[in-house]
mmCIF file of all heavy atoms, coordinates in Angstrom:
data_MODEL
# 
_entry.id   MODEL 
# 
loop_
_atom_site.group_PDB 
_atom_site.id 
_atom_site.type_symbol 
_atom_site.label_atom_id 
_atom_site.label_alt_id 
_atom_site.label_comp_id 
_atom_site.label_asym_id 
_atom_site.label_entity_id 
_atom_site.label_seq_id 
_atom_site.pdbx_PDB_ins_code 
_atom_site.Cartn_x 
_atom_site.Cartn_y 
_atom_site.Cartn_z 
_atom_site.occupancy 
_atom_site.B_iso_or_equiv 
_atom_site.pdbx_formal_charge 
_atom_site.auth_seq_id 
_atom_site.auth_comp_id 
_atom_site.auth_asym_id 
_atom_site.auth_atom_id 
_atom_site.pdbx_PDB_model_num 
ATOM 1   N N   . LYS A 1 1  ? 134.240 110.843 49.110 1.00 0.00 ? 1  LYS A N   1 
ATOM 2   C CA  . LYS A 1 1  ? 132.828 111.204 48.992 1.00 0.00 ? 1  LYS A CA  1 
ATOM 3   C C   . LYS A 1 1  ? 132.699 112.358 48.003 1.00 0.00 ? 1  LYS A C   1 
ATOM 4   O O   . LYS A 1 1  ? 133.625 113.151 47.847 1.00 0.00 ? 1  LYS A O   1 
ATOM 5   C CB  . LYS A 1 1  ? 132.269 111.642 50.346 1.00 0.00 ? 1  LYS A CB  1 
ATOM 6   C CG  . LYS A 1 1  ? 132.298 110.562 51.403 1.00 0.00 ? 1  LYS A CG  1 
ATOM 7   C CD  . LYS A 1 1  ? 131.779 111.077 52.721 1.00 0.00 ? 1  LYS A CD  1 
ATOM 8   C CE  . LYS A 1 1  ? 131.870 109.991 53.779 1.00 0.00 ? 1  LYS A CE  1 
ATOM 9   N NZ  . LYS A 1 1  ? 131.444 110.453 55.085 1.00 0.00 ? 1  LYS A NZ  1 
ATOM 10  N N   . ASP A 1 2  ? 131.559 112.478 47.371 1.00 0.00 ? 2  ASP A N   1 
ATOM 11  C CA  . ASP A 1 2  ? 131.323 113.570 46.425 1.00 0.00 ? 2  ASP A CA  1 
ATOM 12  C C   . ASP A 1 2  ? 131.522 114.918 47.106 1.00 0.00 ? 2  ASP A C   1 
ATOM 13  O O   . ASP A 1 2  ? 131.060 115.134 48.230 1.00 0.00 ? 2  ASP A O   1 
ATOM 14  C CB  . ASP A 1 2  ? 129.904 113.493 45.857 1.00 0.00 ? 2  ASP A CB  1 
ATOM 15  C CG  . ASP A 1 2  ? 129.729 112.312 44.910 1.00 0.00 ? 2  ASP A CG  1 
ATOM 16  O OD1 . ASP A 1 2  ? 130.749 111.839 44.372 1.00 0.00 ? 2  ASP A OD1 1 
ATOM 17  O OD2 . ASP A 1 2  ? 128.582 111.883 44.712 1.00 0.00 ? 2  ASP A OD2 1 
ATOM 18  N N   . GLY A 1 3  ? 132.219 115.816 46.436 1.00 0.00 ? 3  GLY A N   1 
ATOM 19  C CA  . GLY A 1 3  ? 132.415 117.165 46.936 1.00 0.00 ? 3  GLY A CA  1 
ATOM 20  C C   . GLY A 1 3  ? 133.530 117.316 47.950 1.00 0.00 ? 3  GLY A C   1 
ATOM 21  O O   . GLY A 1 3  ? 133.775 118.411 48.436 1.00 0.00 ? 3  GLY A O   1 
ATOM 22  N N   . VAL A 1 4  ? 134.223 116.226 48.275 1.00 0.00 ? 4  VAL A N   1 
ATOM 23  C CA  . VAL A 1 4  ? 135.327 116.290 49.238 1.00 0.00 ? 4  VAL A CA  1 
ATOM 24  C C   . VAL A 1 4  ? 136.606 115.936 48.489 1.00 0.00 ? 4  VAL A C   1 
ATOM 25  O O   . VAL A 1 4  ? 136.712 114.863 47.904 1.00 0.00 ? 4  VAL A O   1 
ATOM 26  C CB  . VAL A 1 4  ? 135.109 115.311 50.424 1.00 0.00 ? 4  VAL A CB  1 
ATOM 27  C CG1 . VAL A 1 4  ? 136.270 115.379 51.395 1.00 0.00 ? 4  VAL A CG1 1 
ATOM 28  C CG2 . VAL A 1 4  ? 133.798 115.607 51.128 1.00 0.00 ? 4  VAL A CG2 1 
ATOM 29  N N   . ASP A 1 5  ? 137.574 116.854 48.497 1.00 0.00 ? 5  ASP A N   1 
ATOM 30  C CA  . ASP A 1 5  ? 138.801 116.636 47.721 1.00 0.00 ? 5  ASP A CA  1 
ATOM 31  C C   . ASP A 1 5  ? 140.018 116.365 48.601 1.00 0.00 ? 5  ASP A C   1 
ATOM 32  O O   . ASP A 1 5  ? 141.146 116.650 48.213 1.00 0.00 ? 5  ASP A O   1 
ATOM 33  C CB  . ASP A 1 5  ? 139.067 117.835 46.812 1.00 0.00 ? 5  ASP A CB  1 
ATOM 34  C CG  . ASP A 1 5  ? 139.338 119.109 47.596 1.00 0.00 ? 5  ASP A CG  1 
ATOM 35  O OD1 . ASP A 1 5  ? 139.181 119.107 48.827 1.00 0.00 ? 5  ASP A OD1 1 
ATOM 36  O OD2 . ASP A 1 5  ? 139.715 120.110 46.960 1.00 0.00 ? 5  ASP A OD2 1 
ATOM 37  N N   . HIS A 1 6  ? 139.788 115.805 49.784 1.00 0.00 ? 6  HIS A N   1 
ATOM 38  C CA  . HIS A 1 6  ? 140.883 115.524 50.706 1.00 0.00 ? 6  HIS A CA  1 
ATOM 39  C C   . HIS A 1 6  ? 140.434 114.477 51.719 1.00 0.00 ? 6  HIS A C   1 
ATOM 40  O O   . HIS A 1 6  ? 139.266 114.123 51.768 1.00 0.00 ? 6  HIS A O   1 
ATOM 41  C CB  . HIS A 1 6  ? 141.297 116.810 51.432 1.00 0.00 ? 6  HIS A CB  1 
ATOM 42  C CG  . HIS A 1 6  ? 140.183 117.407 52.229 1.00 0.00 ? 6  HIS A CG  1 
ATOM 43  N ND1 . HIS A 1 6  ? 139.185 118.174 51.640 1.00 0.00 ? 6  HIS A ND1 1 
ATOM 44  C CD2 . HIS A 1 6  ? 139.857 117.332 53.544 1.00 0.00 ? 6  HIS A CD2 1 
ATOM 45  C CE1 . HIS A 1 6  ? 138.319 118.552 52.577 1.00 0.00 ? 6  HIS A CE1 1 
ATOM 46  N NE2 . HIS A 1 6  ? 138.702 118.042 53.734 1.00 0.00 ? 6  HIS A NE2 1 
ATOM 47  N N   . VAL A 1 7  ? 141.387 114.003 52.496 1.00 0.00 ? 7  VAL A N   1 
ATOM 48  C CA  . VAL A 1 7  ? 141.046 113.113 53.594 1.00 0.00 ? 7  VAL A CA  1 
ATOM 49  C C   . VAL A 1 7  ? 140.483 114.000 54.706 1.00 0.00 ? 7  VAL A C   1 
ATOM 50  O O   . VAL A 1 7  ? 141.082 115.011 55.063 1.00 0.00 ? 7  VAL A O   1 
ATOM 51  C CB  . VAL A 1 7  ? 142.292 112.345 54.083 1.00 0.00 ? 7  VAL A CB  1 
ATOM 52  C CG1 . VAL A 1 7  ? 141.948 111.430 55.241 1.00 0.00 ? 7  VAL A CG1 1 
ATOM 53  C CG2 . VAL A 1 7  ? 142.913 111.547 52.939 1.00 0.00 ? 7  VAL A CG2 1 
ATOM 54  N N   . THR A 1 8  ? 139.332 113.643 55.232 1.00 0.00 ? 8  THR A N   1 
ATOM 55  C CA  . THR A 1 8  ? 138.677 114.491 56.229 1.00 0.00 ? 8  THR A CA  1 
ATOM 56  C C   . THR A 1 8  ? 139.366 114.371 57.595 1.00 0.00 ? 8  THR A C   1 
ATOM 57  O O   . THR A 1 8  ? 140.046 113.375 57.867 1.00 0.00 ? 8  THR A O   1 
ATOM 58  C CB  . THR A 1 8  ? 137.195 114.109 56.394 1.00 0.00 ? 8  THR A CB  1 
ATOM 59  O OG1 . THR A 1 8  ? 137.112 112.807 56.985 1.00 0.00 ? 8  THR A OG1 1 
ATOM 60  C CG2 . THR A 1 8  ? 136.458 114.158 55.067 1.00 0.00 ? 8  THR A CG2 1 
ATOM 61  N N   . PRO A 1 9  ? 139.186 115.371 58.452 1.00 0.00 ? 9  PRO A N   1 
ATOM 62  C CA  . PRO A 1 9  ? 139.742 115.280 59.802 1.00 0.00 ? 9  PRO A CA  1 
ATOM 63  C C   . PRO A 1 9  ? 139.241 114.033 60.551 1.00 0.00 ? 9  PRO A C   1 
ATOM 64  O O   . PRO A 1 9  ? 140.004 113.413 61.297 1.00 0.00 ? 9  PRO A O   1 
ATOM 65  C CB  . PRO A 1 9  ? 139.249 116.560 60.482 1.00 0.00 ? 9  PRO A CB  1 
ATOM 66  C CG  . PRO A 1 9  ? 139.089 117.539 59.359 1.00 0.00 ? 9  PRO A CG  1 
ATOM 67  C CD  . PRO A 1 9  ? 138.585 116.699 58.208 1.00 0.00 ? 9  PRO A CD  1 
ATOM 68  N N   . GLU A 1 10 ? 137.997 113.652 60.327 1.00 0.00 ? 10 GLU A N   1 
ATOM 69  C CA  . GLU A 1 10 ? 137.458 112.456 60.973 1.00 0.00 ? 10 GLU A CA  1 
ATOM 70  C C   . GLU A 1 10 ? 138.159 111.193 60.480 1.00 0.00 ? 10 GLU A C   1 
ATOM 71  O O   . GLU A 1 10 ? 138.446 110.285 61.267 1.00 0.00 ? 10 GLU A O   1 
ATOM 72  C CB  . GLU A 1 10 ? 135.944 112.358 60.732 1.00 0.00 ? 10 GLU A CB  1 
ATOM 73  C CG  . GLU A 1 10 ? 135.132 113.478 61.354 1.00 0.00 ? 10 GLU A CG  1 
ATOM 74  C CD  . GLU A 1 10 ? 135.143 114.778 60.526 1.00 0.00 ? 10 GLU A CD  1 
ATOM 75  O OE1 . GLU A 1 10 ? 135.513 114.753 59.333 1.00 0.00 ? 10 GLU A OE1 1 
ATOM 76  O OE2 . GLU A 1 10 ? 134.771 115.816 61.108 1.00 0.00 ? 10 GLU A OE2 1 
ATOM 77  N N   . GLN A 1 11 ? 138.426 111.129 59.175 1.00 0.00 ? 11 GLN A N   1 
ATOM 78  C CA  . GLN A 1 11 ? 139.147 109.980 58.627 1.00 0.00 ? 11 GLN A CA  1 
ATOM 79  C C   . GLN A 1 11 ? 140.570 109.925 59.169 1.00 0.00 ? 11 GLN A C   1 
ATOM 80  O O   . GLN A 1 11 ? 141.072 108.856 59.509 1.00 0.00 ? 11 GLN A O   1 
ATOM 81  C CB  . GLN A 1 11 ? 139.163 110.044 57.098 1.00 0.00 ? 11 GLN A CB  1 
ATOM 82  C CG  . GLN A 1 11 ? 137.808 109.791 56.472 1.00 0.00 ? 11 GLN A CG  1 
ATOM 83  C CD  . GLN A 1 11 ? 137.796 110.097 54.994 1.00 0.00 ? 11 GLN A CD  1 
ATOM 84  O OE1 . GLN A 1 11 ? 138.387 111.081 54.538 1.00 0.00 ? 11 GLN A OE1 1 
ATOM 85  N NE2 . GLN A 1 11 ? 137.108 109.252 54.231 1.00 0.00 ? 11 GLN A NE2 1 
ATOM 86  N N   . LYS A 1 12 ? 141.215 111.092 59.258 1.00 0.00 ? 12 LYS A N   1 
ATOM 87  C CA  . LYS A 1 12 ? 142.573 111.124 59.803 1.00 0.00 ? 12 LYS A CA  1 
ATOM 88  C C   . LYS A 1 12 ? 142.593 110.684 61.259 1.00 0.00 ? 12 LYS A C   1 
ATOM 89  O O   . LYS A 1 12 ? 143.481 109.930 61.672 1.00 0.00 ? 12 LYS A O   1 
ATOM 90  C CB  . LYS A 1 12 ? 143.168 112.528 59.661 1.00 0.00 ? 12 LYS A CB  1 
ATOM 91  C CG  . LYS A 1 12 ? 143.493 112.881 58.225 1.00 0.00 ? 12 LYS A CG  1 
ATOM 92  C CD  . LYS A 1 12 ? 144.039 114.292 58.126 1.00 0.00 ? 12 LYS A CD  1 
ATOM 93  C CE  . LYS A 1 12 ? 144.302 114.651 56.675 1.00 0.00 ? 12 LYS A CE  1 
ATOM 94  N NZ  . LYS A 1 12 ? 144.824 116.004 56.517 1.00 0.00 ? 12 LYS A NZ  1 
ATOM 95  N N   . ALA A 1 13 ? 141.621 111.123 62.044 1.00 0.00 ? 13 ALA A N   1 
ATOM 96  C CA  . ALA A 1 13 ? 141.551 110.711 63.449 1.00 0.00 ? 13 ALA A CA  1 
ATOM 97  C C   . ALA A 1 13 ? 141.392 109.194 63.545 1.00 0.00 ? 13 ALA A C   1 
ATOM 98  O O   . ALA A 1 13 ? 142.016 108.548 64.405 1.00 0.00 ? 13 ALA A O   1 
ATOM 99  C CB  . ALA A 1 13 ? 140.399 111.429 64.154 1.00 0.00 ? 13 ALA A CB  1 
ATOM 100 N N   . ALA A 1 14 ? 140.580 108.614 62.667 1.00 0.00 ? 14 ALA A N   1 
ATOM 101 C CA  . ALA A 1 14 ? 140.391 107.164 62.669 1.00 0.00 ? 14 ALA A CA  1 
ATOM 102 C C   . ALA A 1 14 ? 141.691 106.448 62.299 1.00 0.00 ? 14 ALA A C   1 
ATOM 103 O O   . ALA A 1 14 ? 142.007 105.391 62.858 1.00 0.00 ? 14 ALA A O   1 
ATOM 104 C CB  . ALA A 1 14 ? 139.270 106.779 61.711 1.00 0.00 ? 14 ALA A CB  1 
ATOM 105 N N   . ILE A 1 15 ? 142.454 107.016 61.376 1.00 0.00 ? 15 ILE A N   1 
ATOM 106 C CA  . ILE A 1 15 ? 143.757 106.435 61.015 1.00 0.00 ? 15 ILE A CA  1 
ATOM 107 C C   . ILE A 1 15 ? 144.705 106.487 62.207 1.00 0.00 ? 15 ILE A C   1 
ATOM 108 O O   . ILE A 1 15 ? 145.366 105.497 62.534 1.00 0.00 ? 15 ILE A O   1 
ATOM 109 C CB  . ILE A 1 15 ? 144.358 107.159 59.792 1.00 0.00 ? 15 ILE A CB  1 
ATOM 110 C CG1 . ILE A 1 15 ? 143.543 106.830 58.541 1.00 0.00 ? 15 ILE A CG1 1 
ATOM 111 C CG2 . ILE A 1 15 ? 145.828 106.779 59.599 1.00 0.00 ? 15 ILE A CG2 1 
ATOM 112 C CD1 . ILE A 1 15 ? 143.875 107.694 57.341 1.00 0.00 ? 15 ILE A CD1 1 
ATOM 113 N N   . HIS A 1 16 ? 144.775 107.632 62.869 1.00 0.00 ? 16 HIS A N   1 
ATOM 114 C CA  . HIS A 1 16 ? 145.642 107.761 64.053 1.00 0.00 ? 16 HIS A CA  1 
ATOM 115 C C   . HIS A 1 16 ? 145.282 106.705 65.101 1.00 0.00 ? 16 HIS A C   1 
ATOM 116 O O   . HIS A 1 16 ? 146.160 106.023 65.632 1.00 0.00 ? 16 HIS A O   1 
ATOM 117 C CB  . HIS A 1 16 ? 145.521 109.164 64.666 1.00 0.00 ? 16 HIS A CB  1 
ATOM 118 C CG  . HIS A 1 16 ? 146.146 110.240 63.849 1.00 0.00 ? 16 HIS A CG  1 
ATOM 119 N ND1 . HIS A 1 16 ? 147.487 110.277 63.562 1.00 0.00 ? 16 HIS A ND1 1 
ATOM 120 C CD2 . HIS A 1 16 ? 145.605 111.335 63.261 1.00 0.00 ? 16 HIS A CD2 1 
ATOM 121 C CE1 . HIS A 1 16 ? 147.748 111.350 62.827 1.00 0.00 ? 16 HIS A CE1 1 
ATOM 122 N NE2 . HIS A 1 16 ? 146.619 112.006 62.634 1.00 0.00 ? 16 HIS A NE2 1 
ATOM 123 N N   . ARG A 1 17 ? 143.996 106.588 65.398 1.00 0.00 ? 17 ARG A N   1 
ATOM 124 C CA  . ARG A 1 17 ? 143.546 105.599 66.387 1.00 0.00 ? 17 ARG A CA  1 
ATOM 125 C C   . ARG A 1 17 ? 143.862 104.183 65.927 1.00 0.00 ? 17 ARG A C   1 
ATOM 126 O O   . ARG A 1 17 ? 144.348 103.350 66.699 1.00 0.00 ? 17 ARG A O   1 
ATOM 127 C CB  . ARG A 1 17 ? 142.037 105.724 66.621 1.00 0.00 ? 17 ARG A CB  1 
ATOM 128 C CG  . ARG A 1 17 ? 141.638 106.818 67.571 1.00 0.00 ? 17 ARG A CG  1 
ATOM 129 C CD  . ARG A 1 17 ? 140.163 106.724 67.943 1.00 0.00 ? 17 ARG A CD  1 
ATOM 130 N NE  . ARG A 1 17 ? 139.261 106.639 66.789 1.00 0.00 ? 17 ARG A NE  1 
ATOM 131 C CZ  . ARG A 1 17 ? 138.796 107.690 66.117 1.00 0.00 ? 17 ARG A CZ  1 
ATOM 132 N NH1 . ARG A 1 17 ? 139.124 108.918 66.465 1.00 0.00 ? 17 ARG A NH1 1 
ATOM 133 N NH2 . ARG A 1 17 ? 137.986 107.516 65.093 1.00 0.00 ? 17 ARG A NH2 1 
ATOM 134 N N   . GLY A 1 18 ? 143.555 103.895 64.677 1.00 0.00 ? 18 GLY A N   1 
ATOM 135 C CA  . GLY A 1 18 ? 143.751 102.545 64.146 1.00 0.00 ? 18 GLY A CA  1 
ATOM 136 C C   . GLY A 1 18 ? 145.200 102.105 64.158 1.00 0.00 ? 18 GLY A C   1 
ATOM 137 O O   . GLY A 1 18 ? 145.508 100.966 64.524 1.00 0.00 ? 18 GLY A O   1 
ATOM 138 N N   . ILE A 1 19 ? 146.098 102.997 63.765 1.00 0.00 ? 19 ILE A N   1 
ATOM 139 C CA  . ILE A 1 19 ? 147.525 102.655 63.753 1.00 0.00 ? 19 ILE A CA  1 
ATOM 140 C C   . ILE A 1 19 ? 148.019 102.428 65.170 1.00 0.00 ? 19 ILE A C   1 
ATOM 141 O O   . ILE A 1 19 ? 148.743 101.458 65.448 1.00 0.00 ? 19 ILE A O   1 
ATOM 142 C CB  . ILE A 1 19 ? 148.350 103.757 63.046 1.00 0.00 ? 19 ILE A CB  1 
ATOM 143 C CG1 . ILE A 1 19 ? 147.992 103.812 61.559 1.00 0.00 ? 19 ILE A CG1 1 
ATOM 144 C CG2 . ILE A 1 19 ? 149.842 103.553 63.252 1.00 0.00 ? 19 ILE A CG2 1 
ATOM 145 C CD1 . ILE A 1 19 ? 148.340 102.579 60.763 1.00 0.00 ? 19 ILE A CD1 1 
ATOM 146 N N   . ALA A 1 20 ? 147.654 103.322 66.097 1.00 0.00 ? 20 ALA A N   1 
ATOM 147 C CA  . ALA A 1 20 ? 148.079 103.165 67.494 1.00 0.00 ? 20 ALA A CA  1 
ATOM 148 C C   . ALA A 1 20 ? 147.547 101.860 68.077 1.00 0.00 ? 20 ALA A C   1 
ATOM 149 O O   . ALA A 1 20 ? 148.275 101.130 68.764 1.00 0.00 ? 20 ALA A O   1 
ATOM 150 C CB  . ALA A 1 20 ? 147.626 104.363 68.322 1.00 0.00 ? 20 ALA A CB  1 
ATOM 151 N N   . ASP A 1 21 ? 146.282 101.548 67.801 1.00 0.00 ? 21 ASP A N   1 
ATOM 152 C CA  . ASP A 1 21 ? 145.696 100.301 68.290 1.00 0.00 ? 21 ASP A CA  1 
ATOM 153 C C   . ASP A 1 21 ? 146.401 99.084  67.701 1.00 0.00 ? 21 ASP A C   1 
ATOM 154 O O   . ASP A 1 21 ? 146.684 98.106  68.404 1.00 0.00 ? 21 ASP A O   1 
ATOM 155 C CB  . ASP A 1 21 ? 144.203 100.231 67.970 1.00 0.00 ? 21 ASP A CB  1 
ATOM 156 C CG  . ASP A 1 21 ? 143.363 101.209 68.777 1.00 0.00 ? 21 ASP A CG  1 
ATOM 157 O OD1 . ASP A 1 21 ? 143.877 101.774 69.771 1.00 0.00 ? 21 ASP A OD1 1 
ATOM 158 O OD2 . ASP A 1 21 ? 142.182 101.417 68.398 1.00 0.00 ? 21 ASP A OD2 1 
ATOM 159 N N   . LEU A 1 22 ? 146.695 99.129  66.416 1.00 0.00 ? 22 LEU A N   1 
ATOM 160 C CA  . LEU A 1 22 ? 147.365 98.017  65.747 1.00 0.00 ? 22 LEU A CA  1 
ATOM 161 C C   . LEU A 1 22 ? 148.749 97.769  66.330 1.00 0.00 ? 22 LEU A C   1 
ATOM 162 O O   . LEU A 1 22 ? 149.125 96.620  66.614 1.00 0.00 ? 22 LEU A O   1 
ATOM 163 C CB  . LEU A 1 22 ? 147.461 98.281  64.244 1.00 0.00 ? 22 LEU A CB  1 
ATOM 164 C CG  . LEU A 1 22 ? 148.196 97.222  63.425 1.00 0.00 ? 22 LEU A CG  1 
ATOM 165 C CD1 . LEU A 1 22 ? 147.421 95.907  63.442 1.00 0.00 ? 22 LEU A CD1 1 
ATOM 166 C CD2 . LEU A 1 22 ? 148.404 97.705  62.007 1.00 0.00 ? 22 LEU A CD2 1 
ATOM 167 N N   . LEU A 1 23 ? 149.511 98.838  66.533 1.00 0.00 ? 23 LEU A N   1 
ATOM 168 C CA  . LEU A 1 23 ? 150.854 98.665  67.084 1.00 0.00 ? 23 LEU A CA  1 
ATOM 169 C C   . LEU A 1 23 ? 150.812 98.159  68.521 1.00 0.00 ? 23 LEU A C   1 
ATOM 170 O O   . LEU A 1 23 ? 151.703 97.416  68.954 1.00 0.00 ? 23 LEU A O   1 
ATOM 171 C CB  . LEU A 1 23 ? 151.640 99.974  66.978 1.00 0.00 ? 23 LEU A CB  1 
ATOM 172 C CG  . LEU A 1 23 ? 152.065 100.325 65.551 1.00 0.00 ? 23 LEU A CG  1 
ATOM 173 C CD1 . LEU A 1 23 ? 152.679 101.714 65.503 1.00 0.00 ? 23 LEU A CD1 1 
ATOM 174 C CD2 . LEU A 1 23 ? 153.032 99.303  64.995 1.00 0.00 ? 23 LEU A CD2 1 
ATOM 175 N N   . PHE A 1 24 ? 149.761 98.519  69.247 1.00 0.00 ? 24 PHE A N   1 
ATOM 176 C CA  . PHE A 1 24 ? 149.606 97.981  70.595 1.00 0.00 ? 24 PHE A CA  1 
ATOM 177 C C   . PHE A 1 24 ? 149.267 96.495  70.542 1.00 0.00 ? 24 PHE A C   1 
ATOM 178 O O   . PHE A 1 24 ? 149.872 95.679  71.240 1.00 0.00 ? 24 PHE A O   1 
ATOM 179 C CB  . PHE A 1 24 ? 148.522 98.746  71.364 1.00 0.00 ? 24 PHE A CB  1 
ATOM 180 C CG  . PHE A 1 24 ? 148.331 98.229  72.759 1.00 0.00 ? 24 PHE A CG  1 
ATOM 181 C CD1 . PHE A 1 24 ? 149.288 98.444  73.734 1.00 0.00 ? 24 PHE A CD1 1 
ATOM 182 C CD2 . PHE A 1 24 ? 147.207 97.497  73.077 1.00 0.00 ? 24 PHE A CD2 1 
ATOM 183 C CE1 . PHE A 1 24 ? 149.126 97.945  75.017 1.00 0.00 ? 24 PHE A CE1 1 
ATOM 184 C CE2 . PHE A 1 24 ? 147.030 96.995  74.357 1.00 0.00 ? 24 PHE A CE2 1 
ATOM 185 C CZ  . PHE A 1 24 ? 147.994 97.217  75.327 1.00 0.00 ? 24 PHE A CZ  1 
ATOM 186 N N   . GLU A 1 25 ? 148.322 96.128  69.662 1.00 0.00 ? 25 GLU A N   1 
ATOM 187 C CA  . GLU A 1 25 ? 147.903 94.730  69.548 1.00 0.00 ? 25 GLU A CA  1 
ATOM 188 C C   . GLU A 1 25 ? 149.028 93.824  69.059 1.00 0.00 ? 25 GLU A C   1 
ATOM 189 O O   . GLU A 1 25 ? 149.210 92.714  69.556 1.00 0.00 ? 25 GLU A O   1 
ATOM 190 C CB  . GLU A 1 25 ? 146.718 94.606  68.594 1.00 0.00 ? 25 GLU A CB  1 
ATOM 191 C CG  . GLU A 1 25 ? 145.425 95.194  69.125 1.00 0.00 ? 25 GLU A CG  1 
ATOM 192 C CD  . GLU A 1 25 ? 144.330 95.232  68.076 1.00 0.00 ? 25 GLU A CD  1 
ATOM 193 O OE1 . GLU A 1 25 ? 144.429 94.477  67.067 1.00 0.00 ? 25 GLU A OE1 1 
ATOM 194 O OE2 . GLU A 1 25 ? 143.385 96.010  68.235 1.00 0.00 ? 25 GLU A OE2 1 
ATOM 195 N N   . VAL A 1 26 ? 149.792 94.278  68.073 1.00 0.00 ? 26 VAL A N   1 
ATOM 196 C CA  . VAL A 1 26 ? 150.815 93.437  67.453 1.00 0.00 ? 26 VAL A CA  1 
ATOM 197 C C   . VAL A 1 26 ? 152.139 93.470  68.214 1.00 0.00 ? 26 VAL A C   1 
ATOM 198 O O   . VAL A 1 26 ? 152.778 92.435  68.405 1.00 0.00 ? 26 VAL A O   1 
ATOM 199 C CB  . VAL A 1 26 ? 151.032 93.856  65.983 1.00 0.00 ? 26 VAL A CB  1 
ATOM 200 C CG1 . VAL A 1 26 ? 152.186 93.084  65.353 1.00 0.00 ? 26 VAL A CG1 1 
ATOM 201 C CG2 . VAL A 1 26 ? 149.745 93.638  65.185 1.00 0.00 ? 26 VAL A CG2 1 
ATOM 202 N N   . LEU A 1 27 ? 152.564 94.664  68.643 1.00 0.00 ? 27 LEU A N   1 
ATOM 203 C CA  . LEU A 1 27 ? 153.886 94.817  69.249 1.00 0.00 ? 27 LEU A CA  1 
ATOM 204 C C   . LEU A 1 27 ? 153.866 95.168  70.731 1.00 0.00 ? 27 LEU A C   1 
ATOM 205 O O   . LEU A 1 27 ? 154.921 95.263  71.356 1.00 0.00 ? 27 LEU A O   1 
ATOM 206 C CB  . LEU A 1 27 ? 154.683 95.891  68.491 1.00 0.00 ? 27 LEU A CB  1 
ATOM 207 C CG  . LEU A 1 27 ? 154.919 95.645  67.005 1.00 0.00 ? 27 LEU A CG  1 
ATOM 208 C CD1 . LEU A 1 27 ? 155.629 96.833  66.383 1.00 0.00 ? 27 LEU A CD1 1 
ATOM 209 C CD2 . LEU A 1 27 ? 155.710 94.360  66.797 1.00 0.00 ? 27 LEU A CD2 1 
ATOM 210 N N   . GLY A 1 28 ? 152.672 95.430  71.264 1.00 0.00 ? 28 GLY A N   1 
ATOM 211 C CA  . GLY A 1 28 ? 152.584 95.827  72.662 1.00 0.00 ? 28 GLY A CA  1 
ATOM 212 C C   . GLY A 1 28 ? 153.073 97.238  72.928 1.00 0.00 ? 28 GLY A C   1 
ATOM 213 O O   . GLY A 1 28 ? 153.379 97.597  74.070 1.00 0.00 ? 28 GLY A O   1 
# 
């Protein structure tokens, strides 16, 4: 987004959740 020069804490939290959910769905 304009004016943001990094991955935001909210985006990082979504990545953490998404990866954990994916590994649960695919590998249990």
